[in-house]
Amino acid sequence: MQSDFSDMDRFDRSILAVLASDGRISITDLAKRIGLSKSPTQARLRRLEEAGVITGYRAMVNPIRLGFDHIAFAEVRLTDTREAALAAFNAAVSKVGAIEQAHMIAGNFDYLLKVRTQDMAEYRRVLAEDISTLPHVASTSTYVAMEAVKETALGDRL
């Protein structure tokens, strides 16, 4: 099975949609929900996992309930954008726990980081001690999110 979404049939898409909303569903209940028997449902699920379409299962945790309600987006400009410098930056950024997402950008800066902390004081510490000291960082600009207007998971689009 290819991992191309367009090659999946309605049963594969249904499996993904159901698991995206309820990752703890039993195979028996999943089979009932998608309209197949248990054995073909298990085979399809295994195939989706082996193809890398399903990469794992985890609990969705509400960061706000845990006190992590401060979100900032940091633009990062690098001093060097050759492959070795990008690889060094990528490896280092993956080790900073407060960085939820890191995206290489085609634009006036090189990376956009989504940083989640408990408050502005913690963000300032992360910026000074972690982000600014990442390899090849020339400068940063910060944008603080005041409110999340829309946040969706990929499962919401299936």
Protein backbone atom coordinates (compact mmCIF):
# COMPACT_ATOMS: atom_id res chain seq x y z
CA MET A 1 0.00 0.00 0.00
CA GLN A 2 1.35 3.40 -0.91
CA SER A 3 1.19 6.18 1.64
CA ASP A 4 -0.47 8.49 -0.89
CA PHE A 5 -3.85 9.51 0.56
CA SER A 6 -5.46 9.49 -2.89
CA ASP A 7 -4.73 5.74 -3.21
CA MET A 8 -6.74 4.88 -0.10
CA ASP A 9 -10.30 3.69 -0.35
CA ARG A 10 -13.22 4.72 1.82
CA PHE A 11 -12.50 2.01 4.40
CA ASP A 12 -8.91 3.19 4.89
CA ARG A 13 -10.10 6.78 5.22
CA SER A 14 -12.79 5.70 7.67
CA ILE A 15 -10.24 3.86 9.80
CA LEU A 16 -8.08 6.98 9.95
CA ALA A 17 -11.02 9.25 10.76
CA VAL A 18 -12.30 7.00 13.55
CA LEU A 19 -8.83 6.50 15.08
CA ALA A 20 -8.13 10.24 14.90
CA SER A 21 -11.14 10.89 17.11
CA ASP A 22 -10.87 7.75 19.29
CA GLY A 23 -7.44 6.12 19.30
CA ARG A 24 -8.48 3.73 22.07
CA ILE A 25 -11.33 2.10 20.15
CA SER A 26 -11.24 -1.69 20.04
CA ILE A 27 -10.79 -3.52 16.74
CA THR A 28 -14.29 -4.96 17.12
CA ASP A 29 -15.86 -1.52 17.55
CA LEU A 30 -13.69 -0.05 14.79
CA ALA A 31 -14.85 -2.79 12.42
CA LYS A 32 -18.49 -2.08 13.25
CA ARG A 33 -18.01 1.67 12.75
CA ILE A 34 -16.45 1.31 9.30
CA GLY A 35 -18.71 -1.52 8.10
CA LEU A 36 -16.20 -4.37 7.77
CA SER A 37 -15.61 -7.53 9.73
CA LYS A 38 -12.83 -7.75 12.30
CA SER A 39 -10.19 -9.62 10.22
CA PRO A 40 -10.12 -7.26 7.20
CA THR A 41 -10.18 -4.28 9.57
CA GLN A 42 -7.15 -5.65 11.43
CA ALA A 43 -5.35 -6.30 8.14
CA ARG A 44 -6.05 -2.78 6.90
CA LEU A 45 -4.94 -1.26 10.20
CA ARG A 46 -1.70 -3.27 10.14
CA ARG A 47 -1.10 -2.20 6.51
CA LEU A 48 -1.66 1.47 7.39
CA GLU A 49 0.82 1.14 10.27
CA GLU A 50 3.44 -0.68 8.16
CA ALA A 51 3.11 1.89 5.37
CA GLY A 52 3.83 4.67 7.87
CA VAL A 53 0.43 6.30 7.43
CA ILE A 54 -0.29 5.64 11.12
CA THR A 55 2.87 6.53 12.98
CA GLY A 56 1.74 5.88 16.55
CA TYR A 57 -0.88 6.29 19.22
CA ARG A 58 -0.81 8.76 22.08
CA ALA A 59 -2.95 10.60 24.58
CA MET A 60 -3.92 14.13 23.62
CA VAL A 61 -2.96 16.33 26.57
CA ASN A 62 -4.46 19.77 27.17
CA PRO A 63 -1.41 22.00 27.75
CA ILE A 64 -3.53 24.82 29.17
CA ARG A 65 -4.83 22.56 31.97
CA LEU A 66 -1.17 21.85 32.78
CA GLY A 67 -0.33 25.55 33.00
CA PHE A 68 1.37 25.89 29.60
CA ASP A 69 -0.87 28.58 28.14
CA HIS A 70 1.75 31.01 26.82
CA ILE A 71 2.39 30.59 23.10
CA ALA A 72 4.94 32.59 21.18
CA PHE A 73 6.09 32.32 17.59
CA ALA A 74 9.74 33.10 17.03
CA GLU A 75 11.14 34.02 13.64
CA VAL A 76 14.75 32.87 13.40
CA ARG A 77 17.33 34.14 10.96
CA LEU A 78 20.52 32.11 10.56
CA THR A 79 24.04 33.28 9.78
CA ASP A 80 24.55 30.32 7.45
CA THR A 81 22.01 28.36 5.42
CA ARG A 82 24.24 25.72 3.86
CA GLU A 83 23.16 22.12 4.43
CA ALA A 84 25.58 21.47 7.31
CA ALA A 85 24.36 24.57 9.16
CA LEU A 86 20.70 23.65 8.61
CA ALA A 87 21.35 20.10 9.83
CA ALA A 88 23.07 21.41 12.95
CA PHE A 89 20.20 23.80 13.67
CA ASN A 90 17.58 21.08 13.06
CA ALA A 91 19.33 18.62 15.37
CA ALA A 92 19.69 21.20 18.13
CA VAL A 93 16.13 22.54 17.87
CA SER A 94 14.73 19.02 18.33
CA LYS A 95 16.30 18.91 21.79
CA VAL A 96 14.52 22.03 23.13
CA GLY A 97 11.38 20.82 24.90
CA ALA A 98 9.56 24.16 24.84
CA ILE A 99 9.65 24.24 21.03
CA GLU A 100 6.47 22.49 19.88
CA GLN A 101 7.00 23.04 16.16
CA ALA A 102 9.83 24.20 13.95
CA HIS A 103 9.31 25.00 10.28
CA MET A 104 11.88 26.01 7.67
CA ILE A 105 10.42 29.01 5.86
CA ALA A 106 10.85 30.39 2.36
CA GLY A 107 10.77 34.11 3.06
CA ASN A 108 12.53 36.93 4.91
CA PHE A 109 13.64 34.62 7.73
CA ASP A 110 14.73 30.99 7.91
CA TYR A 111 12.65 29.26 10.59
CA LEU A 112 9.39 29.78 12.42
CA LEU A 113 9.24 28.20 15.87
CA LYS A 114 6.11 27.64 17.94
CA VAL A 115 7.16 27.86 21.57
CA ARG A 116 4.89 26.91 24.48
CA THR A 117 5.77 27.96 28.03
CA GLN A 118 4.00 28.72 31.29
CA ASP A 119 4.46 32.48 31.09
CA MET A 120 6.44 35.34 29.58
CA ALA A 121 9.26 34.98 32.10
CA GLU A 122 9.81 31.37 31.10
CA TYR A 123 9.63 32.30 27.41
CA ARG A 124 12.30 34.97 27.94
CA ARG A 125 14.53 32.36 29.57
CA VAL A 126 13.94 29.85 26.73
CA LEU A 127 14.65 32.54 24.16
CA ALA A 128 17.86 33.70 25.86
CA GLU A 129 19.25 30.37 27.00
CA ASP A 130 17.95 27.92 24.42
CA ILE A 131 16.81 29.51 21.15
CA SER A 132 19.40 32.28 20.86
CA THR A 133 22.20 29.81 21.55
CA LEU A 134 21.15 27.35 18.83
CA PRO A 135 23.77 26.87 16.09
CA HIS A 136 24.04 29.68 13.53
CA VAL A 137 21.30 31.91 15.01
CA ALA A 138 21.82 35.50 13.87
CA SER A 139 18.60 37.08 15.17
CA THR A 140 15.08 36.37 16.35
CA SER A 141 11.75 38.18 16.39
CA THR A 142 8.90 37.16 18.67
CA TYR A 143 5.14 37.28 18.20
CA VAL A 144 3.00 36.41 21.21
CA ALA A 145 -0.32 34.67 20.56
CA MET A 146 -3.20 36.29 22.42
CA GLU A 147 -5.82 33.67 21.57
CA ALA A 148 -6.01 30.46 19.55
CA VAL A 149 -8.84 31.03 17.09
CA LYS A 150 -8.52 27.69 15.27
CA GLU A 151 -6.56 24.57 16.06
CA THR A 152 -7.34 21.35 14.26
CA ALA A 153 -5.78 17.95 14.02
CA LEU A 154 -5.35 16.18 10.71
CA GLY A 155 -8.05 13.74 11.76
CA ASP A 156 -10.57 16.57 11.62
CA ARG A 157 -9.97 16.81 7.85
CA LEU A 158 -10.51 13.14 7.06
